[in-house]
């Protein structure tokens, strides 16, 4: 999401109309439905978290305890338990754990 100056971007009549509703404040204008992007597609966050979760699961399966993993990844133990449970479920469903 980028900041644009309405004074340089919008026609004067449209800017004046918008100022009737919100004057000098910030306003969020959502994307058009056909232009929306899924979470994590722009900066690869989704892929990075998936790789981190696979790594956590591998370490857990190799014997690293949940408290140690939580401290190592700066997560709550409850979050690590959730990641492990989700990865176990995916493994049972036959999804292959991909390497990062």
PDB file of N, CA and C in Angstrom:
ATOM      1  N   UNK A   1       0.848  -1.164   0.000  1.00  0.00           N
ATOM      2  CA  UNK A   1       0.000   0.000   0.000  1.00  0.00           C
ATOM      3  C   UNK A   1       0.896   1.230   0.000  1.00  0.00           C
ATOM      4  N   UNK A   2       0.681   2.098  -0.951  1.00  0.00           N
ATOM      5  CA  UNK A   2       1.497   3.294  -1.050  1.00  0.00           C
ATOM      6  C   UNK A   2       0.686   4.547  -0.770  1.00  0.00           C
ATOM      7  N   UNK A   3       1.371   5.583  -0.359  1.00  0.00           N
ATOM      8  CA  UNK A   3       0.756   6.870  -0.091  1.00  0.00           C
ATOM      9  C   UNK A   3       0.823   7.719  -1.341  1.00  0.00           C
ATOM     10  N   UNK A   4      -0.296   8.291  -1.717  1.00  0.00           N
ATOM     11  CA  UNK A   4      -0.362   9.194  -2.871  1.00  0.00           C
ATOM     12  C   UNK A   4      -0.948  10.519  -2.409  1.00  0.00           C
ATOM     13  N   UNK A   5      -0.475  11.620  -2.944  1.00  0.00           N
ATOM     14  CA  UNK A   5      -1.010  12.924  -2.619  1.00  0.00           C
ATOM     15  C   UNK A   5      -2.206  13.196  -3.517  1.00  0.00           C
ATOM     16  N   UNK A   6      -3.378  13.315  -2.906  1.00  0.00           N
ATOM     17  CA  UNK A   6      -4.599  13.547  -3.660  1.00  0.00           C
ATOM     18  C   UNK A   6      -4.576  14.827  -4.472  1.00  0.00           C
ATOM     19  N   UNK A   7      -3.850  15.839  -4.009  1.00  0.00           N
ATOM     20  CA  UNK A   7      -3.785  17.117  -4.709  1.00  0.00           C
ATOM     21  C   UNK A   7      -3.134  16.971  -6.085  1.00  0.00           C
ATOM     22  N   UNK A   8      -2.158  16.084  -6.186  1.00  0.00           N
ATOM     23  CA  UNK A   8      -1.495  15.891  -7.472  1.00  0.00           C
ATOM     24  C   UNK A   8      -2.111  14.759  -8.278  1.00  0.00           C
ATOM     25  N   UNK A   9      -2.901  13.912  -7.629  1.00  0.00           N
ATOM     26  CA  UNK A   9      -3.435  12.727  -8.280  1.00  0.00           C
ATOM     27  C   UNK A   9      -4.866  12.907  -8.797  1.00  0.00           C
ATOM     28  N   UNK A  10      -5.697  13.607  -8.028  1.00  0.00           N
ATOM     29  CA  UNK A  10      -7.131  13.686  -8.336  1.00  0.00           C
ATOM     30  C   UNK A  10      -7.495  14.990  -9.030  1.00  0.00           C
ATOM     31  N   UNK A  11      -8.517  14.948  -9.865  1.00  0.00           N
ATOM     32  CA  UNK A  11      -9.030  16.195 -10.438  1.00  0.00           C
ATOM     33  C   UNK A  11      -9.562  17.099  -9.318  1.00  0.00           C
ATOM     34  N   UNK A  12      -9.478  18.410  -9.507  1.00  0.00           N
ATOM     35  CA  UNK A  12      -9.859  19.372  -8.459  1.00  0.00           C
ATOM     36  C   UNK A  12     -11.286  19.161  -7.968  1.00  0.00           C
ATOM     37  N   UNK A  13     -12.215  18.887  -8.879  1.00  0.00           N
ATOM     38  CA  UNK A  13     -13.614  18.734  -8.452  1.00  0.00           C
ATOM     39  C   UNK A  13     -13.796  17.482  -7.587  1.00  0.00           C
ATOM     40  N   UNK A  14     -13.063  16.416  -7.894  1.00  0.00           N
ATOM     41  CA  UNK A  14     -13.155  15.188  -7.102  1.00  0.00           C
ATOM     42  C   UNK A  14     -12.493  15.383  -5.738  1.00  0.00           C
ATOM     43  N   UNK A  15     -11.359  16.066  -5.710  1.00  0.00           N
ATOM     44  CA  UNK A  15     -10.684  16.354  -4.452  1.00  0.00           C
ATOM     45  C   UNK A  15     -11.592  17.187  -3.544  1.00  0.00           C
ATOM     46  N   UNK A  16     -12.234  18.194  -4.105  1.00  0.00           N
ATOM     47  CA  UNK A  16     -13.147  19.043  -3.314  1.00  0.00           C
ATOM     48  C   UNK A  16     -14.305  18.209  -2.764  1.00  0.00           C
ATOM     49  N   UNK A  17     -14.831  17.286  -3.539  1.00  0.00           N
ATOM     50  CA  UNK A  17     -15.928  16.434  -3.089  1.00  0.00           C
ATOM     51  C   UNK A  17     -15.479  15.519  -1.947  1.00  0.00           C
ATOM     52  N   UNK A  18     -14.306  14.937  -2.084  1.00  0.00           N
ATOM     53  CA  UNK A  18     -13.778  14.064  -1.022  1.00  0.00           C
ATOM     54  C   UNK A  18     -13.523  14.868   0.245  1.00  0.00           C
ATOM     55  N   UNK A  19     -13.047  16.098   0.098  1.00  0.00           N
ATOM     56  CA  UNK A  19     -12.774  16.948   1.254  1.00  0.00           C
ATOM     57  C   UNK A  19     -14.052  17.282   2.027  1.00  0.00           C
ATOM     58  N   UNK A  20     -15.194  17.192   1.390  1.00  0.00           N
ATOM     59  CA  UNK A  20     -16.466  17.397   2.093  1.00  0.00           C
ATOM     60  C   UNK A  20     -16.695  16.292   3.119  1.00  0.00           C
ATOM     61  N   UNK A  21     -16.173  15.108   2.858  1.00  0.00           N
ATOM     62  CA  UNK A  21     -16.369  13.958   3.742  1.00  0.00           C
ATOM     63  C   UNK A  21     -15.218  13.780   4.727  1.00  0.00           C
ATOM     64  N   UNK A  22     -14.010  14.004   4.256  1.00  0.00           N
ATOM     65  CA  UNK A  22     -12.831  13.809   5.096  1.00  0.00           C
ATOM     66  C   UNK A  22     -11.802  14.843   4.681  1.00  0.00           C
ATOM     67  N   UNK A  23     -11.498  15.768   5.591  1.00  0.00           N
ATOM     68  CA  UNK A  23     -10.639  16.897   5.258  1.00  0.00           C
ATOM     69  C   UNK A  23      -9.301  16.782   5.980  1.00  0.00           C
ATOM     70  N   UNK A  24      -8.243  16.505   5.228  1.00  0.00           N
ATOM     71  CA  UNK A  24      -6.903  16.461   5.795  1.00  0.00           C
ATOM     72  C   UNK A  24      -6.570  15.189   6.546  1.00  0.00           C
ATOM     73  N   UNK A  25      -7.430  14.203   6.530  1.00  0.00           N
ATOM     74  CA  UNK A  25      -7.182  12.934   7.209  1.00  0.00           C
ATOM     75  C   UNK A  25      -6.775  11.884   6.183  1.00  0.00           C
ATOM     76  N   UNK A  26      -6.245  10.782   6.675  1.00  0.00           N
ATOM     77  CA  UNK A  26      -5.895   9.677   5.784  1.00  0.00           C
ATOM     78  C   UNK A  26      -7.141   8.850   5.509  1.00  0.00           C
ATOM     79  N   UNK A  27      -7.199   8.305   4.324  1.00  0.00           N
ATOM     80  CA  UNK A  27      -8.321   7.457   3.941  1.00  0.00           C
ATOM     81  C   UNK A  27      -7.768   6.258   3.173  1.00  0.00           C
ATOM     82  N   UNK A  28      -8.318   5.096   3.441  1.00  0.00           N
ATOM     83  CA  UNK A  28      -7.910   3.883   2.737  1.00  0.00           C
ATOM     84  C   UNK A  28      -8.898   3.634   1.609  1.00  0.00           C
ATOM     85  N   UNK A  29      -8.398   3.453   0.424  1.00  0.00           N
ATOM     86  CA  UNK A  29      -9.242   3.126  -0.725  1.00  0.00           C
ATOM     87  C   UNK A  29      -8.889   1.710  -1.142  1.00  0.00           C
ATOM     88  N   UNK A  30      -9.809   0.765  -0.959  1.00  0.00           N
ATOM     89  CA  UNK A  30      -9.498  -0.644  -1.246  1.00  0.00           C
ATOM     90  C   UNK A  30      -9.324  -0.893  -2.736  1.00  0.00           C
ATOM     91  N   UNK A  31      -8.634  -1.984  -3.031  1.00  0.00           N
ATOM     92  CA  UNK A  31      -8.457  -2.398  -4.424  1.00  0.00           C
ATOM     93  C   UNK A  31      -9.789  -2.848  -5.008  1.00  0.00           C
ATOM     94  N   UNK A  32      -9.870  -2.794  -6.316  1.00  0.00           N
ATOM     95  CA  UNK A  32     -11.014  -3.374  -7.010  1.00  0.00           C
ATOM     96  C   UNK A  32     -10.979  -4.879  -6.787  1.00  0.00           C
ATOM     97  N   UNK A  33     -12.129  -5.523  -6.742  1.00  0.00           N
ATOM     98  CA  UNK A  33     -12.190  -6.965  -6.485  1.00  0.00           C
ATOM     99  C   UNK A  33     -11.333  -7.756  -7.461  1.00  0.00           C
ATOM    100  N   UNK A  34     -11.330  -7.373  -8.723  1.00  0.00           N
ATOM    101  CA  UNK A  34     -10.571  -8.125  -9.720  1.00  0.00           C
ATOM    102  C   UNK A  34      -9.062  -7.891  -9.609  1.00  0.00           C
ATOM    103  N   UNK A  35      -8.637  -6.925  -8.798  1.00  0.00           N
ATOM    104  CA  UNK A  35      -7.210  -6.628  -8.649  1.00  0.00           C
ATOM    105  C   UNK A  35      -6.628  -7.110  -7.322  1.00  0.00           C
ATOM    106  N   UNK A  36      -7.447  -7.713  -6.479  1.00  0.00           N
ATOM    107  CA  UNK A  36      -6.970  -8.156  -5.170  1.00  0.00           C
ATOM    108  C   UNK A  36      -5.976  -9.292  -5.320  1.00  0.00           C
ATOM    109  N   UNK A  37      -4.998  -9.304  -4.416  1.00  0.00           N
ATOM    110  CA  UNK A  37      -3.980 -10.354  -4.404  1.00  0.00           C
ATOM    111  C   UNK A  37      -4.053 -11.115  -3.092  1.00  0.00           C
ATOM    112  N   UNK A  38      -3.722 -12.371  -3.137  1.00  0.00           N
ATOM    113  CA  UNK A  38      -3.739 -13.190  -1.934  1.00  0.00           C
ATOM    114  C   UNK A  38      -2.635 -12.745  -0.987  1.00  0.00           C
ATOM    115  N   UNK A  39      -2.863 -12.965   0.319  1.00  0.00           N
ATOM    116  CA  UNK A  39      -1.884 -12.597   1.321  1.00  0.00           C
ATOM    117  C   UNK A  39      -0.553 -13.299   1.053  1.00  0.00           C
ATOM    118  N   UNK A  40       0.528 -12.542   1.138  1.00  0.00           N
ATOM    119  CA  UNK A  40       1.860 -13.114   1.015  1.00  0.00           C
ATOM    120  C   UNK A  40       2.372 -13.270  -0.401  1.00  0.00           C
ATOM    121  N   UNK A  41       1.599 -12.871  -1.399  1.00  0.00           N
ATOM    122  CA  UNK A  41       2.052 -13.064  -2.775  1.00  0.00           C
ATOM    123  C   UNK A  41       3.031 -11.985  -3.230  1.00  0.00           C
ATOM    124  N   UNK A  42       2.994 -10.826  -2.615  1.00  0.00           N
ATOM    125  CA  UNK A  42       3.854  -9.729  -3.050  1.00  0.00           C
ATOM    126  C   UNK A  42       5.265  -9.876  -2.490  1.00  0.00           C
ATOM    127  N   UNK A  43       5.388 -10.159  -1.196  1.00  0.00           N
ATOM    128  CA  UNK A  43       6.709 -10.192  -0.574  1.00  0.00           C
ATOM    129  C   UNK A  43       7.153 -11.589  -0.143  1.00  0.00           C
ATOM    130  N   UNK A  44       6.488 -12.611  -0.605  1.00  0.00           N
ATOM    131  CA  UNK A  44       6.862 -14.004  -0.344  1.00  0.00           C
ATOM    132  C   UNK A  44       6.713 -14.412   1.117  1.00  0.00           C
ATOM    133  N   UNK A  45       5.911 -13.693   1.901  1.00  0.00           N
ATOM    134  CA  UNK A  45       5.719 -14.026   3.313  1.00  0.00           C
ATOM    135  C   UNK A  45       5.162 -15.427   3.491  1.00  0.00           C
ATOM    136  N   UNK A  46       4.212 -15.783   2.658  1.00  0.00           N
ATOM    137  CA  UNK A  46       3.583 -17.107   2.776  1.00  0.00           C
ATOM    138  C   UNK A  46       4.622 -18.220   2.610  1.00  0.00           C
ATOM    139  N   UNK A  47       5.475 -18.087   1.614  1.00  0.00           N
ATOM    140  CA  UNK A  47       6.490 -19.113   1.363  1.00  0.00           C
ATOM    141  C   UNK A  47       7.523 -19.157   2.490  1.00  0.00           C
ATOM    142  N   UNK A  48       7.890 -17.991   3.019  1.00  0.00           N
ATOM    143  CA  UNK A  48       8.862 -17.942   4.103  1.00  0.00           C
ATOM    144  C   UNK A  48       8.311 -18.600   5.365  1.00  0.00           C
ATOM    145  N   UNK A  49       7.051 -18.344   5.679  1.00  0.00           N
ATOM    146  CA  UNK A  49       6.444 -18.973   6.858  1.00  0.00           C
ATOM    147  C   UNK A  49       6.291 -20.479   6.665  1.00  0.00           C
ATOM    148  N   UNK A  50       5.952 -20.898   5.464  1.00  0.00           N
ATOM    149  CA  UNK A  50       5.822 -22.334   5.194  1.00  0.00           C
ATOM    150  C   UNK A  50       7.170 -23.033   5.368  1.00  0.00           C
ATOM    151  N   UNK A  51       8.239 -22.405   4.890  1.00  0.00           N
ATOM    152  CA  UNK A  51       9.583 -22.977   5.044  1.00  0.00           C
ATOM    153  C   UNK A  51       9.966 -23.035   6.517  1.00  0.00           C
ATOM    154  N   UNK A  52       9.662 -21.967   7.254  1.00  0.00           N
ATOM    155  CA  UNK A  52       9.957 -21.954   8.692  1.00  0.00           C
ATOM    156  C   UNK A  52       9.202 -23.068   9.409  1.00  0.00           C
ATOM    157  N   UNK A  53       7.930 -23.238   9.076  1.00  0.00           N
ATOM    158  CA  UNK A  53       7.115 -24.268   9.724  1.00  0.00           C
ATOM    159  C   UNK A  53       7.617 -25.671   9.405  1.00  0.00           C
ATOM    160  N   UNK A  54       8.049 -25.894   8.163  1.00  0.00           N
ATOM    161  CA  UNK A  54       8.624 -27.197   7.811  1.00  0.00           C
ATOM    162  C   UNK A  54       9.889 -27.467   8.618  1.00  0.00           C
ATOM    163  N   UNK A  55      10.689 -26.430   8.785  1.00  0.00           N
ATOM    164  CA  UNK A  55      11.923 -26.559   9.561  1.00  0.00           C
ATOM    165  C   UNK A  55      11.615 -26.867  11.025  1.00  0.00           C
ATOM    166  N   UNK A  56      10.639 -26.188  11.579  1.00  0.00           N
ATOM    167  CA  UNK A  56      10.225 -26.449  12.963  1.00  0.00           C
ATOM    168  C   UNK A  56       9.766 -27.890  13.100  1.00  0.00           C
ATOM    169  N   UNK A  57       8.967 -28.355  12.153  1.00  0.00           N
ATOM    170  CA  UNK A  57       8.458 -29.723  12.232  1.00  0.00           C
ATOM    171  C   UNK A  57       9.591 -30.744  12.130  1.00  0.00           C
ATOM    172  N   UNK A  58      10.523 -30.505  11.222  1.00  0.00           N
ATOM    173  CA  UNK A  58      11.659 -31.430  11.069  1.00  0.00           C
ATOM    174  C   UNK A  58      12.470 -31.528  12.366  1.00  0.00           C
ATOM    175  N   UNK A  59      12.721 -30.368  12.987  1.00  0.00           N
ATOM    176  CA  UNK A  59      13.475 -30.354  14.240  1.00  0.00           C
ATOM    177  C   UNK A  59      12.691 -31.051  15.350  1.00  0.00           C
ATOM    178  N   UNK A  60      11.379 -30.821  15.382  1.00  0.00           N
ATOM    179  CA  UNK A  60      10.532 -31.482  16.378  1.00  0.00           C
ATOM    180  C   UNK A  60      10.572 -32.998  16.172  1.00  0.00           C
ATOM    181  N   UNK A  61      10.441 -33.425  14.931  1.00  0.00           N
ATOM    182  CA  UNK A  61      10.460 -34.858  14.618  1.00  0.00           C
ATOM    183  C   UNK A  61      11.817 -35.478  14.946  1.00  0.00           C
ATOM    184  N   UNK A  62      12.868 -34.667  14.895  1.00  0.00           N
ATOM    185  CA  UNK A  62      14.217 -35.157  15.210  1.00  0.00           C
ATOM    186  C   UNK A  62      14.496 -35.146  16.713  1.00  0.00           C
ATOM    187  N   UNK A  63      13.528 -34.646  17.502  1.00  0.00           N
ATOM    188  CA  UNK A  63      13.681 -34.724  18.956  1.00  0.00           C
ATOM    189  C   UNK A  63      13.833 -33.412  19.694  1.00  0.00           C
ATOM    190  N   UNK A  64      13.830 -32.292  19.011  1.00  0.00           N
ATOM    191  CA  UNK A  64      13.931 -31.000  19.699  1.00  0.00           C
ATOM    192  C   UNK A  64      12.611 -30.723  20.414  1.00  0.00           C
ATOM    193  N   UNK A  65      12.686 -30.289  21.656  1.00  0.00           N
ATOM    194  CA  UNK A  65      11.473 -30.070  22.450  1.00  0.00           C
ATOM    195  C   UNK A  65      10.758 -28.784  22.030  1.00  0.00           C
ATOM    196  N   UNK A  66       9.477 -28.728  22.334  1.00  0.00           N
ATOM    197  CA  UNK A  66       8.664 -27.550  21.997  1.00  0.00           C
ATOM    198  C   UNK A  66       9.190 -26.294  22.689  1.00  0.00           C
ATOM    199  N   UNK A  67       9.524 -26.331  23.999  1.00  0.00           N
ATOM    200  CA  UNK A  67      10.053 -25.110  24.617  1.00  0.00           C
ATOM    201  C   UNK A  67      11.331 -24.590  23.955  1.00  0.00           C
ATOM    202  N   UNK A  68      12.195 -25.499  23.525  1.00  0.00           N
ATOM    203  CA  UNK A  68      13.432 -25.089  22.847  1.00  0.00           C
ATOM    204  C   UNK A  68      13.095 -24.460  21.492  1.00  0.00           C
ATOM    205  N   UNK A  69      12.196 -25.084  20.753  1.00  0.00           N
ATOM    206  CA  UNK A  69      11.787 -24.530  19.452  1.00  0.00           C
ATOM    207  C   UNK A  69      11.123 -23.167  19.625  1.00  0.00           C
ATOM    208  N   UNK A  70      10.279 -23.042  20.641  1.00  0.00           N
ATOM    209  CA  UNK A  70       9.604 -21.768  20.888  1.00  0.00           C
ATOM    210  C   UNK A  70      10.621 -20.666  21.157  1.00  0.00           C
ATOM    211  N   UNK A  71      11.612 -20.962  21.964  1.00  0.00           N
ATOM    212  CA  UNK A  71      12.643 -19.964  22.266  1.00  0.00           C
ATOM    213  C   UNK A  71      13.479 -19.641  21.036  1.00  0.00           C
ATOM    214  N   UNK A  72      13.823 -20.664  20.265  1.00  0.00           N
ATOM    215  CA  UNK A  72      14.655 -20.467  19.077  1.00  0.00           C
ATOM    216  C   UNK A  72      13.975 -19.597  18.028  1.00  0.00           C
ATOM    217  N   UNK A  73      12.652 -19.773  17.859  1.00  0.00           N
ATOM    218  CA  UNK A  73      11.917 -19.044  16.823  1.00  0.00           C
ATOM    219  C   UNK A  73      11.107 -17.868  17.372  1.00  0.00           C
ATOM    220  N   UNK A  74      11.286 -17.567  18.651  1.00  0.00           N
ATOM    221  CA  UNK A  74      10.573 -16.451  19.284  1.00  0.00           C
ATOM    222  C   UNK A  74       9.057 -16.599  19.140  1.00  0.00           C
ATOM    223  N   UNK A  75       8.572 -17.812  19.400  1.00  0.00           N
ATOM    224  CA  UNK A  75       7.148 -18.112  19.322  1.00  0.00           C
ATOM    225  C   UNK A  75       6.666 -18.606  20.674  1.00  0.00           C
ATOM    226  N   UNK A  76       5.362 -18.515  20.894  1.00  0.00           N
ATOM    227  CA  UNK A  76       4.775 -19.109  22.087  1.00  0.00           C
ATOM    228  C   UNK A  76       4.751 -20.629  21.904  1.00  0.00           C
ATOM    229  N   UNK A  77       4.942 -21.381  22.979  1.00  0.00           N
ATOM    230  CA  UNK A  77       4.868 -22.839  22.861  1.00  0.00           C
ATOM    231  C   UNK A  77       3.559 -23.305  22.224  1.00  0.00           C
ATOM    232  N   UNK A  78       2.470 -22.619  22.536  1.00  0.00           N
ATOM    233  CA  UNK A  78       1.173 -22.970  21.957  1.00  0.00           C
ATOM    234  C   UNK A  78       1.212 -22.855  20.429  1.00  0.00           C
ATOM    235  N   UNK A  79       1.915 -21.856  19.921  1.00  0.00           N
ATOM    236  CA  UNK A  79       2.047 -21.675  18.477  1.00  0.00           C
ATOM    237  C   UNK A  79       2.846 -22.825  17.871  1.00  0.00           C
ATOM    238  N   UNK A  80       3.910 -23.235  18.535  1.00  0.00           N
ATOM    239  CA  UNK A  80       4.718 -24.349  18.036  1.00  0.00           C
ATOM    240  C   UNK A  80       3.888 -25.631  18.024  1.00  0.00           C
ATOM    241  N   UNK A  81       3.113 -25.866  19.099  1.00  0.00           N
ATOM    242  CA  UNK A  81       2.234 -27.039  19.120  1.00  0.00           C
ATOM    243  C   UNK A  81       1.263 -27.004  17.935  1.00  0.00           C
ATOM    244  N   UNK A  82       0.733 -25.817  17.626  1.00  0.00           N
ATOM    245  CA  UNK A  82      -0.181 -25.679  16.495  1.00  0.00           C
ATOM    246  C   UNK A  82       0.488 -25.992  15.171  1.00  0.00           C
ATOM    247  N   UNK A  83       1.711 -25.510  15.001  1.00  0.00           N
ATOM    248  CA  UNK A  83       2.461 -25.775  13.767  1.00  0.00           C
ATOM    249  C   UNK A  83       2.714 -27.268  13.623  1.00  0.00           C
ATOM    250  N   UNK A  84       3.148 -27.901  14.712  1.00  0.00           N
ATOM    251  CA  UNK A  84       3.437 -29.337  14.687  1.00  0.00           C
ATOM    252  C   UNK A  84       2.174 -30.126  14.360  1.00  0.00           C
ATOM    253  N   UNK A  85       1.065 -29.756  14.988  1.00  0.00           N
ATOM    254  CA  UNK A  85      -0.196 -30.465  14.735  1.00  0.00           C
ATOM    255  C   UNK A  85      -0.623 -30.317  13.279  1.00  0.00           C
ATOM    256  N   UNK A  86      -0.490 -29.116  12.731  1.00  0.00           N
ATOM    257  CA  UNK A  86      -0.878 -28.884  11.343  1.00  0.00           C
ATOM    258  C   UNK A  86       0.001 -29.687  10.389  1.00  0.00           C
ATOM    259  N   UNK A  87       1.302 -29.708  10.656  1.00  0.00           N
ATOM    260  CA  UNK A  87       2.223 -30.439   9.786  1.00  0.00           C
ATOM    261  C   UNK A  87       1.966 -31.950   9.879  1.00  0.00           C
ATOM    262  N   UNK A  88       1.654 -32.458  11.082  1.00  0.00           N
ATOM    263  CA  UNK A  88       1.323 -33.878  11.232  1.00  0.00           C
ATOM    264  C   UNK A  88       0.077 -34.207  10.428  1.00  0.00           C
ATOM    265  N   UNK A  89      -0.906 -33.330  10.503  1.00  0.00           N
ATOM    266  CA  UNK A  89      -2.160 -33.531   9.778  1.00  0.00           C
ATOM    267  C   UNK A  89      -1.913 -33.557   8.270  1.00  0.00           C
ATOM    268  N   UNK A  90      -1.102 -32.626   7.786  1.00  0.00           N
ATOM    269  CA  UNK A  90      -0.785 -32.590   6.356  1.00  0.00           C
ATOM    270  C   UNK A  90      -0.033 -33.848   5.936  1.00  0.00           C
ATOM    271  N   UNK A  91       0.835 -34.325   6.791  1.00  0.00           N
ATOM    272  CA  UNK A  91       1.600 -35.535   6.489  1.00  0.00           C
ATOM    273  C   UNK A  91       0.659 -36.739   6.409  1.00  0.00           C
ATOM    274  N   UNK A  92      -0.288 -36.811   7.355  1.00  0.00           N
ATOM    275  CA  UNK A  92      -1.267 -37.907   7.334  1.00  0.00           C
ATOM    276  C   UNK A  92      -2.138 -37.865   6.085  1.00  0.00           C
ATOM    277  N   UNK A  93      -2.432 -36.658   5.609  1.00  0.00           N
ATOM    278  CA  UNK A  93      -3.264 -36.500   4.404  1.00  0.00           C
ATOM    279  C   UNK A  93      -2.478 -36.785   3.137  1.00  0.00           C
ATOM    280  N   UNK A  94      -1.191 -37.049   3.279  1.00  0.00           N
ATOM    281  CA  UNK A  94      -0.384 -37.405   2.116  1.00  0.00           C
ATOM    282  C   UNK A  94       0.295 -36.265   1.427  1.00  0.00           C
ATOM    283  N   UNK A  95       0.240 -35.076   2.026  1.00  0.00           N
ATOM    284  CA  UNK A  95       0.947 -33.954   1.415  1.00  0.00           C
ATOM    285  C   UNK A  95       2.425 -34.130   1.685  1.00  0.00           C
ATOM    286  N   UNK A  96       3.209 -33.865   0.687  1.00  0.00           N
ATOM    287  CA  UNK A  96       4.656 -34.026   0.794  1.00  0.00           C
ATOM    288  C   UNK A  96       5.238 -32.776   1.405  1.00  0.00           C
ATOM    289  N   UNK A  97       6.126 -32.929   2.376  1.00  0.00           N
ATOM    290  CA  UNK A  97       6.819 -31.797   2.953  1.00  0.00           C
ATOM    291  C   UNK A  97       7.901 -31.354   1.978  1.00  0.00           C
ATOM    292  N   UNK A  98       7.713 -30.175   1.411  1.00  0.00           N
ATOM    293  CA  UNK A  98       8.662 -29.682   0.416  1.00  0.00           C
ATOM    294  C   UNK A  98       9.841 -29.018   1.123  1.00  0.00           C
ATOM    295  N   UNK A  99      10.980 -29.135   0.501  1.00  0.00           N
ATOM    296  CA  UNK A  99      12.162 -28.464   1.053  1.00  0.00           C
ATOM    297  C   UNK A  99      12.179 -27.023   0.585  1.00  0.00           C
ATOM    298  N   UNK A 100      12.654 -26.150   1.467  1.00  0.00           N
ATOM    299  CA  UNK A 100      12.730 -24.717   1.136  1.00  0.00           C
ATOM    300  C   UNK A 100      13.886 -24.453   0.209  1.00  0.00           C
TER     301      UNK A 100
END
